[in-house]
Protein backbone atom coordinates (compact mmCIF):
# COMPACT_ATOMS: atom_id res chain seq x y z
CA MET A 1 102.81 83.84 102.97
CA ALA A 2 105.84 85.26 101.05
CA SER A 3 106.13 89.00 100.59
CA LEU A 4 106.08 90.86 97.32
CA ASP A 5 109.34 92.74 98.13
CA GLY A 6 111.04 93.80 94.92
CA LYS A 7 108.05 92.92 92.69
CA VAL A 8 106.38 95.34 90.34
CA ALA A 9 102.64 95.16 89.71
CA LEU A 10 100.58 96.93 86.99
CA ILE A 11 96.92 96.95 87.96
CA THR A 12 94.26 98.25 85.53
CA GLY A 13 91.04 99.91 86.73
CA ALA A 14 93.00 100.43 90.03
CA ALA A 15 91.75 103.93 90.95
CA SER A 16 88.72 102.42 92.72
CA GLY A 17 86.92 99.17 93.74
CA LEU A 18 88.68 95.91 93.41
CA GLY A 19 91.77 97.22 91.71
CA LYS A 20 92.42 99.72 94.37
CA ALA A 21 92.08 97.20 97.17
CA ILE A 22 94.54 94.93 95.40
CA ALA A 23 97.01 97.77 94.82
CA GLU A 24 96.84 98.81 98.45
CA LEU A 25 97.41 95.31 99.76
CA TYR A 26 100.19 94.63 97.30
CA ALA A 27 101.93 97.89 98.32
CA LYS A 28 101.57 96.94 102.02
CA ASN A 29 103.36 93.68 101.17
CA GLY A 30 106.24 95.33 99.46
CA ALA A 31 105.33 95.56 95.81
CA ALA A 32 105.74 98.77 93.75
CA VAL A 33 102.36 99.34 92.13
CA ALA A 34 101.27 101.09 88.94
CA ILE A 35 97.73 102.47 89.22
CA ALA A 36 96.45 102.30 85.57
CA ASP A 37 93.07 103.91 84.93
CA ILE A 38 91.42 105.70 82.16
CA ASN A 39 91.11 108.70 84.54
CA GLN A 40 94.69 110.05 85.08
CA GLN A 41 93.61 112.31 87.96
CA ALA A 42 92.04 109.41 89.88
CA ALA A 43 95.01 107.23 89.19
CA ASP A 44 97.38 109.85 90.47
CA ALA A 45 95.21 110.41 93.61
CA THR A 46 95.27 106.68 94.41
CA ALA A 47 99.02 106.46 93.92
CA ALA A 48 99.48 109.45 96.20
CA GLU A 49 97.39 107.74 98.96
CA ILE A 50 99.54 104.70 98.70
CA GLU A 51 102.70 106.63 98.84
CA ALA A 52 101.41 108.55 101.87
CA ALA A 53 100.86 105.23 103.55
CA GLY A 54 104.53 104.34 102.98
CA GLY A 55 104.16 102.30 99.72
CA LYS A 56 105.66 102.86 96.36
CA ALA A 57 103.27 103.71 93.52
CA ILE A 58 102.70 105.72 90.34
CA GLY A 59 99.63 106.69 88.36
CA ILE A 60 99.33 105.72 84.73
CA ALA A 61 96.67 106.94 82.26
CA MET A 62 95.52 103.92 80.33
CA ASP A 63 92.51 103.19 78.05
CA VAL A 64 92.80 99.32 77.93
CA THR A 65 91.03 99.31 74.49
CA ASP A 66 93.77 101.48 72.83
CA GLU A 67 96.81 99.42 71.90
CA ALA A 68 99.07 102.43 71.71
CA ALA A 69 97.95 103.65 75.16
CA VAL A 70 98.48 100.20 76.72
CA ASN A 71 101.94 99.90 75.14
CA ALA A 72 102.94 103.33 76.24
CA GLY A 73 101.56 102.94 79.79
CA THR A 74 103.29 99.63 80.28
CA ASP A 75 106.63 100.96 79.05
CA LYS A 76 106.24 103.85 81.58
CA VAL A 77 105.85 101.35 84.33
CA VAL A 78 109.06 99.57 83.33
CA ALA A 79 110.87 102.81 82.88
CA ALA A 80 109.82 103.87 86.46
CA PHE A 81 110.54 100.62 88.24
CA GLY A 82 112.88 98.75 86.05
CA HIS A 83 110.75 95.65 85.32
CA LEU A 84 107.26 94.13 85.45
CA ASP A 85 106.37 91.05 87.49
CA ILE A 86 102.63 91.07 87.91
CA LEU A 87 99.73 92.21 85.65
CA ILE A 88 96.27 92.38 87.16
CA SER A 89 93.72 92.84 84.20
CA ASN A 90 90.90 94.28 86.19
CA ALA A 91 89.40 97.24 84.27
CA GLY A 92 85.65 96.57 83.59
CA VAL A 93 82.25 98.09 83.20
CA GLN A 94 78.68 96.75 83.30
CA ILE A 95 75.84 97.36 80.92
CA ILE A 96 72.63 95.34 81.35
CA ASN A 97 69.79 94.78 78.98
CA PRO A 98 67.91 91.81 77.46
CA ILE A 99 69.58 90.41 74.40
CA GLU A 100 66.86 91.67 71.99
CA GLN A 101 67.30 95.19 73.29
CA PHE A 102 71.18 95.15 73.69
CA ALA A 103 72.66 97.77 71.51
CA PHE A 104 75.45 96.43 69.31
CA ALA A 105 77.63 99.48 70.20
CA ASP A 106 77.23 98.50 73.94
CA TRP A 107 78.09 94.85 73.11
CA LYS A 108 81.33 96.02 71.31
CA LYS A 109 82.19 98.31 74.21
CA MET A 110 81.87 95.53 76.71
CA LEU A 111 83.97 93.07 74.81
CA ALA A 112 86.52 95.77 73.98
CA ILE A 113 87.03 96.69 77.69
CA HIS A 114 86.94 93.23 79.17
CA LEU A 115 88.39 90.95 76.43
CA ASP A 116 90.41 93.29 74.16
CA GLY A 117 91.69 94.95 77.32
CA GLY A 118 92.85 91.66 78.74
CA PHE A 119 94.54 90.69 75.53
CA LEU A 120 96.32 94.01 74.89
CA THR A 121 97.63 94.40 78.44
CA THR A 122 98.73 90.78 78.36
CA LYS A 123 100.57 91.23 75.10
CA ALA A 124 102.28 94.36 76.38
CA ALA A 125 103.33 92.80 79.59
CA LEU A 126 104.74 89.75 77.96
CA GLN A 127 107.22 91.84 76.06
CA HIS A 128 108.91 92.40 79.46
CA MET A 129 108.08 89.10 81.23
CA TYR A 130 109.35 86.97 78.37
CA LYS A 131 112.63 88.88 78.19
CA ASP A 132 115.45 86.54 79.28
CA ASP A 133 112.64 84.24 80.57
CA ARG A 134 112.28 86.47 83.56
CA GLY A 135 108.71 85.28 84.02
CA GLY A 136 105.72 86.82 85.75
CA ILE A 137 102.12 86.41 86.76
CA VAL A 138 99.00 87.50 84.96
CA ILE A 139 95.76 87.71 86.85
CA TYR A 140 92.47 88.31 85.17
CA MET A 141 89.48 89.58 87.01
CA GLY A 142 86.78 87.19 85.92
CA SER A 143 83.47 86.61 87.69
CA VAL A 144 81.21 83.82 88.79
CA HIS A 145 79.82 84.78 85.34
CA SER A 146 82.95 83.26 83.91
CA HIS A 147 81.22 79.94 84.68
CA GLU A 148 77.55 80.86 85.09
CA ALA A 149 74.98 83.01 83.32
CA SER A 150 72.46 85.59 84.51
CA LYS A 151 69.70 87.37 82.82
CA LEU A 152 70.36 90.81 81.25
CA LYS A 153 74.15 90.26 81.09
CA SER A 154 74.87 88.65 77.75
CA ALA A 155 77.93 90.72 76.91
CA TYR A 156 79.38 90.58 80.35
CA VAL A 157 78.88 86.76 80.61
CA THR A 158 80.36 86.33 77.12
CA ALA A 159 83.47 88.49 77.98
CA LYS A 160 83.98 86.86 81.33
CA HIS A 161 83.82 83.38 79.73
CA GLY A 162 86.30 84.47 77.20
CA LEU A 163 88.92 85.44 79.88
CA LEU A 164 89.03 81.73 80.84
CA GLY A 165 90.25 80.86 77.33
CA LEU A 166 92.82 83.62 77.38
CA ALA A 167 94.22 82.65 80.71
CA ARG A 168 94.41 78.91 79.84
CA THR A 169 96.13 79.68 76.53
CA LEU A 170 98.67 81.91 78.31
CA ALA A 171 99.27 79.15 80.84
CA LYS A 172 100.28 76.86 78.05
CA GLU A 173 102.38 79.39 76.17
CA GLY A 174 103.87 81.20 79.06
CA ALA A 175 105.23 78.19 80.89
CA ALA A 176 108.36 78.07 78.72
CA HIS A 177 109.11 81.66 79.89
CA ASN A 178 108.16 81.18 83.60
CA VAL A 179 104.88 83.09 83.18
CA ARG A 180 101.76 81.74 84.80
CA SER A 181 98.14 82.94 84.69
CA HIS A 182 95.02 82.87 86.87
CA VAL A 183 91.52 84.06 86.81
CA ILE A 184 89.83 85.36 90.02
CA CYS A 185 86.11 84.85 89.88
CA PRO A 186 84.29 87.05 92.42
CA GLY A 187 80.74 86.69 93.37
CA PHE A 188 78.77 89.92 93.96
CA VAL A 189 81.05 92.54 95.51
CA ARG A 190 79.44 95.77 96.59
CA THR A 191 81.53 98.02 94.49
CA PRO A 192 80.21 101.11 92.72
CA LEU A 193 79.74 98.77 89.64
CA VAL A 194 77.39 96.49 91.61
CA GLU A 195 75.68 99.39 93.41
CA LYS A 196 74.73 100.78 90.04
CA GLN A 197 73.15 97.41 89.02
CA ILE A 198 70.82 97.24 91.97
CA PRO A 199 68.26 99.88 90.76
CA GLU A 200 68.85 98.85 87.13
CA GLN A 201 67.86 95.22 87.81
CA ALA A 202 64.98 96.28 90.08
CA LYS A 203 63.56 98.28 87.13
CA GLU A 204 64.15 95.52 84.53
CA LEU A 205 62.85 92.68 86.77
CA GLY A 206 60.04 94.72 88.27
CA ILE A 207 61.02 94.03 91.88
CA SER A 208 62.27 96.19 94.74
CA GLU A 209 65.98 96.94 95.26
CA ALA A 210 65.88 94.96 98.51
CA ASP A 211 64.63 91.97 96.55
CA VAL A 212 67.46 92.36 94.09
CA ILE A 213 69.92 92.12 96.83
CA LYS A 214 68.24 89.27 98.80
CA ASN A 215 66.69 87.16 96.03
CA VAL A 216 69.04 87.79 93.07
CA MET A 217 72.49 88.81 94.25
CA LEU A 218 72.74 86.89 97.53
CA LYS A 219 70.07 84.21 97.15
CA ASP A 220 72.55 81.38 96.46
CA THR A 221 75.28 82.32 98.92
CA VAL A 222 75.71 80.15 102.00
CA ASP A 223 75.61 83.07 104.39
CA GLY A 224 73.73 85.87 102.67
CA VAL A 225 76.92 87.97 102.61
CA PHE A 226 78.41 90.04 99.81
CA THR A 227 81.94 89.03 98.76
CA THR A 228 84.23 91.80 99.90
CA VAL A 229 87.00 93.69 98.25
CA GLU A 230 89.22 92.34 100.92
CA ASP A 231 88.31 88.77 99.92
CA ILE A 232 89.41 89.48 96.40
CA ALA A 233 92.54 91.32 97.34
CA GLN A 234 93.67 88.51 99.61
CA THR A 235 93.08 85.99 96.83
CA ALA A 236 95.16 88.12 94.47
CA LEU A 237 97.98 88.26 97.10
CA TYR A 238 97.81 84.47 97.63
CA LEU A 239 98.08 83.86 93.80
CA ALA A 240 100.90 86.35 93.38
CA THR A 241 102.94 84.75 96.17
CA PHE A 242 102.18 81.05 95.37
CA PRO A 243 105.56 79.32 95.05
CA SER A 244 105.00 77.28 91.92
CA ALA A 245 103.04 76.92 88.76
CA ALA A 246 100.69 74.32 90.24
CA LEU A 247 97.65 76.67 89.93
CA THR A 248 98.51 78.10 86.46
CA GLY A 249 95.56 78.24 84.13
CA GLN A 250 93.05 77.83 86.93
CA SER A 251 90.13 79.96 87.98
CA ILE A 252 89.46 80.62 91.66
CA VAL A 253 85.85 81.30 92.51
CA VAL A 254 85.46 83.64 95.52
CA SER A 255 81.69 83.88 96.06
CA HIS A 256 80.56 82.77 99.56
CA GLY A 257 79.23 79.69 97.88
CA TRP A 258 77.17 81.52 95.20
CA TYR A 259 78.75 79.32 92.68
CA MET A 260 80.86 76.21 93.32
CA GLN A 261 83.09 74.47 90.78
């Protein structure tokens, strides 16, 4: 696998979970990484950890639903490192409820973070990737729910489906400027986001937390194992170092067989 020496990556929601794992792996493979997070203190702390381990990183405060904040944060990355090669649109949250009880404000919040965030960070990154046809890679953090639905997750499923459309359109438009796009679609990864869902789903479905894990989250895997942050980080590294546009516009499902395309 080729290294990321000389590459610059901007990763949203990177102070924890999947984003942090990707940032750490990218840094180990030579990339300078910008840890973008709504929590500046957490972003700075993660960047400091990466630098202490010998990597190159900066923390960036970024609310992905705020166009001005996205543009300013992206410009800071380029000012610090000189260019931008990889965008990982990873920031996300989860709110669960049946459709008839789903607050419109929560619906708008979910779509704003996942879909508006993906669009705004892409638009900002392209200002630099398109310049002189330098090119770049945009990776969206989708989900098995980009292809499949689950109860209680109408907004999340809708948003994750939408990322497929954005990635496919970027693949078509970006090709002329050497930009390609991908969607990583994890199964259940035991991040804080998923941990929070376990008691919530147990309450909504009237079952135990153990049953949520065994009979909801892992029921359809081939091995009864959660997808790991390392699984996702390695997939992100593979896509960022792939030598051609052969996979542009494609989604990669990483789910231990939970969902198969």
